[in-house]
Every structure is written in structure tokens, then in C-alpha cells.
Amino acid sequence: MLRRSILLVALLWAILPAPVAALQAGSLGAQNLRPYGYLFAAYALAWLLIMGWIFLLARRIGRLSDRLGE
């Protein structure tokens, strides 16, 4: 149960900023976003690392709760 809630929080944390970014993209107009490619790549890598870390923590907590439940 705890593992599911952790994964749900991680998923919501990843999804919720998307609508905000979409709303802000309309204010950019016709600006060229080409110089920000590295910034977007860095943020994507950071998100992947954070999600991987949360996934590993959820697995460890699940194994620990299984061990304590025995």
C-alpha cells in the first residue's frame, strides 16, 4: 500500500507541472526556443534520475515491509 502511494505521488509530481508549462508556452509567442535545448535536456535527465530514485526507494520499502511482516 505504501509503495502504491509513493508511486502515485511521484506520478502526480511529474504530471502536474505539464499544464502550467503549456499555459506559459502561450505567452512565449514566436520566441525561438532553440537555445534552451540543453536546459530542457538537463531538466529531463534530472526528472528521470529523481523518478528512478523514487522507484528504487519504493522497492526497498516494499522489501523492508515484507521482511517485517514475516
C-alpha atoms as a PDB file:
ATOM      1  CA  MET A   1       0.000   0.000   0.000  1.00  0.00           C
ATOM      2  CA  LEU A   2       2.795   2.405   0.892  1.00  0.00           C
ATOM      3  CA  ARG A   3       4.587   1.592  -2.341  1.00  0.00           C
ATOM      4  CA  ARG A   4       1.493   2.440  -4.383  1.00  0.00           C
ATOM      5  CA  SER A   5       1.049   5.756  -2.608  1.00  0.00           C
ATOM      6  CA  ILE A   6       4.692   6.680  -3.180  1.00  0.00           C
ATOM      7  CA  LEU A   7       4.407   5.860  -6.872  1.00  0.00           C
ATOM      8  CA  LEU A   8       1.157   7.823  -7.116  1.00  0.00           C
ATOM      9  CA  VAL A   9       2.747  10.886  -5.537  1.00  0.00           C
ATOM     10  CA  ALA A  10       5.727  10.594  -7.880  1.00  0.00           C
ATOM     11  CA  LEU A  11       3.440  10.311 -10.895  1.00  0.00           C
ATOM     12  CA  LEU A  12       1.374  13.322  -9.860  1.00  0.00           C
ATOM     13  CA  TRP A  13       4.537  15.279  -9.196  1.00  0.00           C
ATOM     14  CA  ALA A  14       5.682  14.542 -12.737  1.00  0.00           C
ATOM     15  CA  ILE A  15       2.338  15.267 -14.429  1.00  0.00           C
ATOM     16  CA  LEU A  16       1.106  18.413 -12.664  1.00  0.00           C
ATOM     17  CA  PRO A  17       3.764  20.849 -13.984  1.00  0.00           C
ATOM     18  CA  ALA A  18       2.834  19.989 -17.603  1.00  0.00           C
ATOM     19  CA  PRO A  19      -0.398  22.064 -17.747  1.00  0.00           C
ATOM     20  CA  VAL A  20       1.383  25.006 -16.164  1.00  0.00           C
ATOM     21  CA  ALA A  21       4.139  24.807 -18.754  1.00  0.00           C
ATOM     22  CA  ALA A  22       1.551  24.586 -21.533  1.00  0.00           C
ATOM     23  CA  LEU A  23      -0.157  27.743 -20.272  1.00  0.00           C
ATOM     24  CA  GLN A  24       3.136  29.574 -20.066  1.00  0.00           C
ATOM     25  CA  ALA A  25       4.124  28.457 -23.575  1.00  0.00           C
ATOM     26  CA  GLY A  26       1.331  30.593 -24.980  1.00  0.00           C
ATOM     27  CA  SER A  27       2.962  33.684 -23.508  1.00  0.00           C
ATOM     28  CA  LEU A  28       6.228  32.946 -25.296  1.00  0.00           C
ATOM     29  CA  GLY A  29       4.715  33.825 -28.646  1.00  0.00           C
ATOM     30  CA  ALA A  30       7.096  33.370 -31.527  1.00  0.00           C
ATOM     31  CA  GLN A  31      10.276  33.306 -29.489  1.00  0.00           C
ATOM     32  CA  ASN A  32      12.932  30.900 -30.622  1.00  0.00           C
ATOM     33  CA  LEU A  33      13.409  28.099 -28.072  1.00  0.00           C
ATOM     34  CA  ARG A  34      16.465  26.621 -29.777  1.00  0.00           C
ATOM     35  CA  PRO A  35      18.997  27.983 -27.219  1.00  0.00           C
ATOM     36  CA  TYR A  36      17.108  26.239 -24.422  1.00  0.00           C
ATOM     37  CA  GLY A  37      17.620  22.705 -25.762  1.00  0.00           C
ATOM     38  CA  TYR A  38      20.362  21.913 -23.268  1.00  0.00           C
ATOM     39  CA  LEU A  39      18.248  23.276 -20.438  1.00  0.00           C
ATOM     40  CA  PHE A  40      15.321  21.055 -21.416  1.00  0.00           C
ATOM     41  CA  ALA A  41      17.652  18.058 -21.696  1.00  0.00           C
ATOM     42  CA  ALA A  42      19.119  18.771 -18.249  1.00  0.00           C
ATOM     43  CA  TYR A  43      15.665  19.006 -16.686  1.00  0.00           C
ATOM     44  CA  ALA A  44      14.565  15.794 -18.413  1.00  0.00           C
ATOM     45  CA  LEU A  45      17.645  13.998 -17.105  1.00  0.00           C
ATOM     46  CA  ALA A  46      17.049  15.353 -13.612  1.00  0.00           C
ATOM     47  CA  TRP A  47      13.414  14.162 -13.696  1.00  0.00           C
ATOM     48  CA  LEU A  48      14.480  10.712 -14.881  1.00  0.00           C
ATOM     49  CA  LEU A  49      17.033  10.448 -12.089  1.00  0.00           C
ATOM     50  CA  ILE A  50      14.527  11.578  -9.466  1.00  0.00           C
ATOM     51  CA  MET A  51      11.862   9.141 -10.721  1.00  0.00           C
ATOM     52  CA  GLY A  52      14.402   6.304 -10.760  1.00  0.00           C
ATOM     53  CA  TRP A  53      15.455   7.151  -7.225  1.00  0.00           C
ATOM     54  CA  ILE A  54      11.825   7.183  -6.046  1.00  0.00           C
ATOM     55  CA  PHE A  55      11.209   3.844  -7.779  1.00  0.00           C
ATOM     56  CA  LEU A  56      14.231   2.304  -6.046  1.00  0.00           C
ATOM     57  CA  LEU A  57      13.118   3.691  -2.688  1.00  0.00           C
ATOM     58  CA  ALA A  58       9.644   2.248  -3.201  1.00  0.00           C
ATOM     59  CA  ARG A  59      11.133  -1.169  -3.962  1.00  0.00           C
ATOM     60  CA  ARG A  60      13.359  -1.052  -0.894  1.00  0.00           C
ATOM     61  CA  ILE A  61      10.473   0.000   1.333  1.00  0.00           C
ATOM     62  CA  GLY A  62       8.368  -2.823  -0.104  1.00  0.00           C
ATOM     63  CA  ARG A  63      11.090  -5.377   0.616  1.00  0.00           C
ATOM     64  CA  LEU A  64      11.531  -3.994   4.123  1.00  0.00           C
ATOM     65  CA  SER A  65       7.798  -4.144   4.847  1.00  0.00           C
ATOM     66  CA  ASP A  66       7.703  -7.728   3.535  1.00  0.00           C
ATOM     67  CA  ARG A  67      10.576  -8.625   5.835  1.00  0.00           C
ATOM     68  CA  LEU A  68       8.935  -7.008   8.839  1.00  0.00           C
ATOM     69  CA  GLY A  69       5.619  -8.659   8.054  1.00  0.00           C
ATOM     70  CA  GLU A  70       7.086 -12.163   8.320  1.00  0.00           C
END
